[in-house]
Amino acid sequence: MSHWLTERCGLLPAPAGLALVQDLLNTRKIGPAGTDLLDTAELADSWLPAAVWAWAADTGRPVGECDWAVRLSPRELTGLRTLRSDVLRLIAGEHLAVAGEPSERQLGKTELQVSASGDLRLEPTGTGWHRLAGSVWLEVFLAQQNGDWGRLKVCHNPVCGSAFFDRSRNNSGVWHDVKVCGNAANLRASRARKRLATAAAPPGGT
């Protein structure tokens, strides 16, 4: 199973479970002709089950345990948009204030489970979007622990804004694709410099 939503942007999915977080971020309107897949429950339903099933495959969970990826109600959709905004704020380095925040915020719940062989693993609990929230925050937590979190970024091209995993050696990437968004940004900057130079030039070119 694949993370088609992220892959349609020409991006490689983030490692393991972090790809679920990347998928959530890429439900936003990407590019001028993009569509926000959290605008309606019908649009959300077009990506959510596949994203959760791909997450299960990435993390070694039985796909059959992901039957909680169901159609969202309008209230659940509002909560999911809040979740997406919270993750975006974290990536931007902003703090999340708990007091006085909207009631739609849901950090989700996880519990420590032990397998028959004695392996311990954190698992999200609950149903519906609450369990999705738990899954997303669990993956954020795990990525923060293993060092991958700082590599999940949002393209600096405001027209794009796609979420990408920076695989550069020194973690210096700012564009999801240098040839696409990087070159476009450099061209805009060059044109802006030429306009400033023209405006500052004395009359008659002297």
C-alpha atoms as a PDB file:
ATOM      1  CA  MET A   1       0.000   0.000   0.000  1.00  0.00           C
ATOM      2  CA  SER A   2       1.286   3.465  -0.840  1.00  0.00           C
ATOM      3  CA  HIS A   3       0.926   7.002   0.456  1.00  0.00           C
ATOM      4  CA  TRP A   4      -0.632   8.196  -2.794  1.00  0.00           C
ATOM      5  CA  LEU A   5      -1.457  11.655  -1.450  1.00  0.00           C
ATOM      6  CA  THR A   6       2.185  12.471  -0.752  1.00  0.00           C
ATOM      7  CA  GLU A   7       3.423  10.650  -3.835  1.00  0.00           C
ATOM      8  CA  ARG A   8       1.121  12.635  -6.137  1.00  0.00           C
ATOM      9  CA  CYS A   9       3.152  15.706  -5.120  1.00  0.00           C
ATOM     10  CA  GLY A  10       6.233  13.974  -6.502  1.00  0.00           C
ATOM     11  CA  LEU A  11       7.537  13.282  -3.003  1.00  0.00           C
ATOM     12  CA  LEU A  12       8.967  10.251  -1.279  1.00  0.00           C
ATOM     13  CA  PRO A  13       7.110   9.293   1.911  1.00  0.00           C
ATOM     14  CA  ALA A  14       8.864   9.958   5.205  1.00  0.00           C
ATOM     15  CA  PRO A  15      10.332   6.895   6.930  1.00  0.00           C
ATOM     16  CA  ALA A  16       8.003   4.399   8.602  1.00  0.00           C
ATOM     17  CA  GLY A  17       5.116   5.840  10.588  1.00  0.00           C
ATOM     18  CA  LEU A  18       6.102   9.469  10.074  1.00  0.00           C
ATOM     19  CA  ALA A  19       4.643   9.166   6.568  1.00  0.00           C
ATOM     20  CA  LEU A  20       1.172   9.285   8.177  1.00  0.00           C
ATOM     21  CA  VAL A  21       1.954  12.731   9.588  1.00  0.00           C
ATOM     22  CA  GLN A  22       3.297  13.820   6.210  1.00  0.00           C
ATOM     23  CA  ASP A  23       0.104  12.597   4.536  1.00  0.00           C
ATOM     24  CA  LEU A  24      -2.022  14.613   6.961  1.00  0.00           C
ATOM     25  CA  LEU A  25      -0.055  17.773   6.178  1.00  0.00           C
ATOM     26  CA  ASN A  26      -0.386  17.175   2.457  1.00  0.00           C
ATOM     27  CA  THR A  27      -4.171  17.187   2.666  1.00  0.00           C
ATOM     28  CA  ARG A  28      -3.812  20.966   2.450  1.00  0.00           C
ATOM     29  CA  LYS A  29      -4.233  22.746  -0.850  1.00  0.00           C
ATOM     30  CA  ILE A  30      -0.934  22.110  -2.619  1.00  0.00           C
ATOM     31  CA  GLY A  31      -0.267  24.398  -5.572  1.00  0.00           C
ATOM     32  CA  PRO A  32      -2.653  26.823  -7.310  1.00  0.00           C
ATOM     33  CA  ALA A  33      -4.926  24.041  -8.585  1.00  0.00           C
ATOM     34  CA  GLY A  34      -4.889  21.972  -5.406  1.00  0.00           C
ATOM     35  CA  THR A  35      -7.819  20.995  -3.201  1.00  0.00           C
ATOM     36  CA  ASP A  36      -7.993  20.935   0.588  1.00  0.00           C
ATOM     37  CA  LEU A  37      -9.009  17.357   1.346  1.00  0.00           C
ATOM     38  CA  LEU A  38     -10.327  18.364   4.774  1.00  0.00           C
ATOM     39  CA  ASP A  39     -12.932  20.705   3.322  1.00  0.00           C
ATOM     40  CA  THR A  40     -15.612  18.017   3.357  1.00  0.00           C
ATOM     41  CA  ALA A  41     -16.110  14.562   4.839  1.00  0.00           C
ATOM     42  CA  GLU A  42     -16.378  13.119   1.341  1.00  0.00           C
ATOM     43  CA  LEU A  43     -12.969  14.501   0.369  1.00  0.00           C
ATOM     44  CA  ALA A  44     -11.430  13.306   3.637  1.00  0.00           C
ATOM     45  CA  ASP A  45     -12.819   9.843   3.035  1.00  0.00           C
ATOM     46  CA  SER A  46     -10.982   9.726  -0.298  1.00  0.00           C
ATOM     47  CA  TRP A  47      -7.577   9.610   1.412  1.00  0.00           C
ATOM     48  CA  LEU A  48      -7.969   8.655   5.091  1.00  0.00           C
ATOM     49  CA  PRO A  49      -8.520   4.868   4.850  1.00  0.00           C
ATOM     50  CA  ALA A  50      -5.645   4.421   2.389  1.00  0.00           C
ATOM     51  CA  ALA A  51      -3.332   6.569   4.540  1.00  0.00           C
ATOM     52  CA  VAL A  52      -4.132   4.570   7.679  1.00  0.00           C
ATOM     53  CA  TRP A  53      -3.728   1.233   5.910  1.00  0.00           C
ATOM     54  CA  ALA A  54      -0.375   2.344   4.505  1.00  0.00           C
ATOM     55  CA  TRP A  55       0.640   3.410   8.028  1.00  0.00           C
ATOM     56  CA  ALA A  56      -0.291  -0.035   9.299  1.00  0.00           C
ATOM     57  CA  ALA A  57       1.841  -1.669   6.622  1.00  0.00           C
ATOM     58  CA  ASP A  58       4.754   0.693   7.334  1.00  0.00           C
ATOM     59  CA  THR A  59       4.707  -0.051  11.065  1.00  0.00           C
ATOM     60  CA  GLY A  60       3.966  -3.769  11.002  1.00  0.00           C
ATOM     61  CA  ARG A  61       0.392  -3.534  12.241  1.00  0.00           C
ATOM     62  CA  PRO A  62      -2.335  -5.825  10.847  1.00  0.00           C
ATOM     63  CA  VAL A  63      -4.401  -3.834   8.358  1.00  0.00           C
ATOM     64  CA  GLY A  64      -7.507  -5.471   9.808  1.00  0.00           C
ATOM     65  CA  GLU A  65      -6.957  -3.548  13.027  1.00  0.00           C
ATOM     66  CA  CYS A  66      -7.449  -0.262  11.183  1.00  0.00           C
ATOM     67  CA  ASP A  67     -11.198  -0.476  10.703  1.00  0.00           C
ATOM     68  CA  TRP A  68     -11.467   2.731  12.744  1.00  0.00           C
ATOM     69  CA  ALA A  69     -10.549   4.711   9.621  1.00  0.00           C
ATOM     70  CA  VAL A  70     -14.160   5.521   8.911  1.00  0.00           C
ATOM     71  CA  ARG A  71     -16.031   8.407   7.333  1.00  0.00           C
ATOM     72  CA  LEU A  72     -15.776  11.531   9.489  1.00  0.00           C
ATOM     73  CA  SER A  73     -18.648  13.593  10.838  1.00  0.00           C
ATOM     74  CA  PRO A  74     -18.530  17.407  10.429  1.00  0.00           C
ATOM     75  CA  ARG A  75     -17.429  17.803  14.059  1.00  0.00           C
ATOM     76  CA  GLU A  76     -14.689  15.214  13.656  1.00  0.00           C
ATOM     77  CA  LEU A  77     -13.543  16.974  10.504  1.00  0.00           C
ATOM     78  CA  THR A  78     -13.186  20.217  12.473  1.00  0.00           C
ATOM     79  CA  GLY A  79     -11.061  18.380  15.001  1.00  0.00           C
ATOM     80  CA  LEU A  80      -8.899  16.931  12.249  1.00  0.00           C
ATOM     81  CA  ARG A  81      -8.271  20.381  10.789  1.00  0.00           C
ATOM     82  CA  THR A  82      -7.221  21.561  14.253  1.00  0.00           C
ATOM     83  CA  LEU A  83      -4.875  18.589  14.515  1.00  0.00           C
ATOM     84  CA  ARG A  84      -3.303  19.469  11.169  1.00  0.00           C
ATOM     85  CA  SER A  85      -2.857  23.095  12.217  1.00  0.00           C
ATOM     86  CA  ASP A  86      -1.217  22.024  15.474  1.00  0.00           C
ATOM     87  CA  VAL A  87       1.302  19.831  13.656  1.00  0.00           C
ATOM     88  CA  LEU A  88       2.074  22.665  11.229  1.00  0.00           C
ATOM     89  CA  ARG A  89       2.685  25.002  14.157  1.00  0.00           C
ATOM     90  CA  LEU A  90       5.100  22.534  15.693  1.00  0.00           C
ATOM     91  CA  ILE A  91       7.035  22.220  12.437  1.00  0.00           C
ATOM     92  CA  ALA A  92       7.243  26.014  12.312  1.00  0.00           C
ATOM     93  CA  GLY A  93       8.754  25.981  15.817  1.00  0.00           C
ATOM     94  CA  GLU A  94       5.720  27.482  17.513  1.00  0.00           C
ATOM     95  CA  HIS A  95       4.527  26.454  20.963  1.00  0.00           C
ATOM     96  CA  LEU A  96       1.086  24.994  21.572  1.00  0.00           C
ATOM     97  CA  ALA A  97      -0.773  26.674  24.421  1.00  0.00           C
ATOM     98  CA  VAL A  98      -3.097  24.209  26.105  1.00  0.00           C
ATOM     99  CA  ALA A  99      -5.161  26.571  28.230  1.00  0.00           C
ATOM    100  CA  GLY A 100      -8.002  28.313  26.442  1.00  0.00           C
ATOM    101  CA  GLU A 101      -7.594  26.346  23.240  1.00  0.00           C
ATOM    102  CA  PRO A 102     -10.627  25.220  21.203  1.00  0.00           C
ATOM    103  CA  SER A 103     -12.445  22.156  22.484  1.00  0.00           C
ATOM    104  CA  GLU A 104     -11.809  20.441  19.142  1.00  0.00           C
ATOM    105  CA  ARG A 105      -8.160  19.877  20.053  1.00  0.00           C
ATOM    106  CA  GLN A 106      -7.475  16.234  20.692  1.00  0.00           C
ATOM    107  CA  LEU A 107      -4.019  14.987  21.532  1.00  0.00           C
ATOM    108  CA  GLY A 108      -5.266  11.434  21.434  1.00  0.00           C
ATOM    109  CA  LYS A 109      -4.413   8.645  23.815  1.00  0.00           C
ATOM    110  CA  THR A 110      -1.902   5.848  23.701  1.00  0.00           C
ATOM    111  CA  GLU A 111      -1.208   2.900  25.935  1.00  0.00           C
ATOM    112  CA  LEU A 112       1.778   0.667  26.496  1.00  0.00           C
ATOM    113  CA  GLN A 113       1.090  -2.849  25.291  1.00  0.00           C
ATOM    114  CA  VAL A 114       3.148  -6.010  25.612  1.00  0.00           C
ATOM    115  CA  SER A 115       3.138  -8.831  23.079  1.00  0.00           C
ATOM    116  CA  ALA A 116       3.228 -12.548  23.863  1.00  0.00           C
ATOM    117  CA  SER A 117       6.970 -12.481  23.162  1.00  0.00           C
ATOM    118  CA  GLY A 118       7.498  -9.639  25.635  1.00  0.00           C
ATOM    119  CA  ASP A 119       7.923  -6.790  23.140  1.00  0.00           C
ATOM    120  CA  LEU A 120       6.629  -3.429  24.344  1.00  0.00           C
ATOM    121  CA  ARG A 121       4.959  -0.964  22.024  1.00  0.00           C
ATOM    122  CA  LEU A 122       2.902   2.183  22.356  1.00  0.00           C
ATOM    123  CA  GLU A 123      -0.464   1.897  20.658  1.00  0.00           C
ATOM    124  CA  PRO A 124      -3.111   4.557  19.954  1.00  0.00           C
ATOM    125  CA  THR A 125      -6.477   3.876  21.520  1.00  0.00           C
ATOM    126  CA  GLY A 126     -10.053   5.006  20.931  1.00  0.00           C
ATOM    127  CA  THR A 127     -12.059   5.120  17.739  1.00  0.00           C
ATOM    128  CA  GLY A 128     -12.567   7.349  14.719  1.00  0.00           C
ATOM    129  CA  TRP A 129     -10.570  10.530  14.409  1.00  0.00           C
ATOM    130  CA  HIS A 130      -9.602  10.391  18.092  1.00  0.00           C
ATOM    131  CA  ARG A 131      -7.575   7.291  17.346  1.00  0.00           C
ATOM    132  CA  LEU A 132      -6.131   8.972  14.288  1.00  0.00           C
ATOM    133  CA  ALA A 133      -5.039  11.871  16.495  1.00  0.00           C
ATOM    134  CA  GLY A 134      -3.385   9.417  18.850  1.00  0.00           C
ATOM    135  CA  SER A 135      -1.598   7.786  15.922  1.00  0.00           C
ATOM    136  CA  VAL A 136      -0.365  11.112  14.569  1.00  0.00           C
ATOM    137  CA  TRP A 137       0.947  12.344  17.922  1.00  0.00           C
ATOM    138  CA  LEU A 138       2.521   8.953  18.603  1.00  0.00           C
ATOM    139  CA  GLU A 139       4.470   9.226  15.357  1.00  0.00           C
ATOM    140  CA  VAL A 140       5.493  12.803  16.164  1.00  0.00           C
ATOM    141  CA  PHE A 141       6.763  11.597  19.538  1.00  0.00           C
ATOM    142  CA  LEU A 142       8.697   8.677  18.042  1.00  0.00           C
ATOM    143  CA  ALA A 143      10.221  10.940  15.359  1.00  0.00           C
ATOM    144  CA  GLN A 144      11.324  13.386  18.036  1.00  0.00           C
ATOM    145  CA  GLN A 145      13.028  10.543  19.871  1.00  0.00           C
ATOM    146  CA  ASN A 146      14.873   9.104  16.855  1.00  0.00           C
ATOM    147  CA  GLY A 147      15.860  12.451  15.327  1.00  0.00           C
ATOM    148  CA  ASP A 148      13.623  12.334  12.254  1.00  0.00           C
ATOM    149  CA  TRP A 149      11.241  15.077  13.371  1.00  0.00           C
ATOM    150  CA  GLY A 150      13.551  17.929  12.371  1.00  0.00           C
ATOM    151  CA  ARG A 151      13.657  16.581   8.824  1.00  0.00           C
ATOM    152  CA  LEU A 152       9.912  16.829   8.226  1.00  0.00           C
ATOM    153  CA  LYS A 153       9.485  20.250   6.655  1.00  0.00           C
ATOM    154  CA  VAL A 154       7.110  22.411   4.649  1.00  0.00           C
ATOM    155  CA  CYS A 155       8.334  23.749   1.314  1.00  0.00           C
ATOM    156  CA  HIS A 156       9.302  27.424   1.601  1.00  0.00           C
ATOM    157  CA  ASN A 157       7.555  28.217  -1.674  1.00  0.00           C
ATOM    158  CA  PRO A 158       4.244  29.684  -0.424  1.00  0.00           C
ATOM    159  CA  VAL A 159       2.524  28.646  -3.644  1.00  0.00           C
ATOM    160  CA  CYS A 160       3.499  25.037  -2.921  1.00  0.00           C
ATOM    161  CA  GLY A 161       3.748  24.376   0.814  1.00  0.00           C
ATOM    162  CA  SER A 162       3.982  20.603   0.442  1.00  0.00           C
ATOM    163  CA  ALA A 163       5.351  18.596   3.366  1.00  0.00           C
ATOM    164  CA  PHE A 164       8.574  16.775   2.537  1.00  0.00           C
ATOM    165  CA  PHE A 165      11.179  14.738   4.373  1.00  0.00           C
ATOM    166  CA  ASP A 166      14.610  16.316   4.012  1.00  0.00           C
ATOM    167  CA  ARG A 167      17.068  13.588   3.097  1.00  0.00           C
ATOM    168  CA  SER A 168      20.006  15.934   2.520  1.00  0.00           C
ATOM    169  CA  ARG A 169      23.144  15.021   4.453  1.00  0.00           C
ATOM    170  CA  ASN A 170      23.231  18.259   6.452  1.00  0.00           C
ATOM    171  CA  ASN A 171      19.447  18.671   6.738  1.00  0.00           C
ATOM    172  CA  SER A 172      19.569  22.014   4.909  1.00  0.00           C
ATOM    173  CA  GLY A 173      16.718  21.583   2.434  1.00  0.00           C
ATOM    174  CA  VAL A 174      14.021  24.251   2.242  1.00  0.00           C
ATOM    175  CA  TRP A 175      12.317  23.304  -1.059  1.00  0.00           C
ATOM    176  CA  HIS A 176      10.453  20.092  -1.757  1.00  0.00           C
ATOM    177  CA  ASP A 177      12.214  20.171  -5.144  1.00  0.00           C
ATOM    178  CA  VAL A 178      15.047  22.600  -5.843  1.00  0.00           C
ATOM    179  CA  LYS A 179      14.488  22.458  -9.608  1.00  0.00           C
ATOM    180  CA  VAL A 180      10.794  23.288  -9.252  1.00  0.00           C
ATOM    181  CA  CYS A 181      10.279  25.541  -6.240  1.00  0.00           C
ATOM    182  CA  GLY A 182      13.891  26.600  -5.700  1.00  0.00           C
ATOM    183  CA  ASN A 183      14.374  27.846  -9.237  1.00  0.00           C
ATOM    184  CA  ALA A 184      11.006  29.613  -9.173  1.00  0.00           C
ATOM    185  CA  ALA A 185      11.948  31.421  -5.961  1.00  0.00           C
ATOM    186  CA  ASN A 186      15.349  32.434  -7.364  1.00  0.00           C
ATOM    187  CA  LEU A 187      13.673  33.766 -10.503  1.00  0.00           C
ATOM    188  CA  ARG A 188      11.239  35.859  -8.456  1.00  0.00           C
ATOM    189  CA  ALA A 189      14.101  37.227  -6.362  1.00  0.00           C
ATOM    190  CA  SER A 190      16.093  38.090  -9.486  1.00  0.00           C
ATOM    191  CA  ARG A 191      13.144  39.936 -11.016  1.00  0.00           C
ATOM    192  CA  ALA A 192      12.588  41.825  -7.753  1.00  0.00           C
ATOM    193  CA  ARG A 193      16.238  42.933  -7.674  1.00  0.00           C
ATOM    194  CA  LYS A 194      16.005  44.153 -11.280  1.00  0.00           C
ATOM    195  CA  ARG A 195      12.855  46.151 -10.475  1.00  0.00           C
ATOM    196  CA  LEU A 196      14.574  47.773  -7.505  1.00  0.00           C
ATOM    197  CA  ALA A 197      17.647  48.573  -9.573  1.00  0.00           C
ATOM    198  CA  THR A 198      15.506  50.103 -12.300  1.00  0.00           C
ATOM    199  CA  ALA A 199      13.535  52.181  -9.808  1.00  0.00           C
ATOM    200  CA  ALA A 200      16.740  53.418  -8.145  1.00  0.00           C
ATOM    201  CA  ALA A 201      18.470  54.344 -11.412  1.00  0.00           C
ATOM    202  CA  PRO A 202      18.746  58.118 -12.024  1.00  0.00           C
ATOM    203  CA  PRO A 203      16.802  59.618 -14.961  1.00  0.00           C
ATOM    204  CA  GLY A 204      18.600  59.337 -18.235  1.00  0.00           C
ATOM    205  CA  GLY A 205      20.769  56.465 -16.962  1.00  0.00           C
ATOM    206  CA  THR A 206      23.412  58.816 -15.530  1.00  0.00           C
END
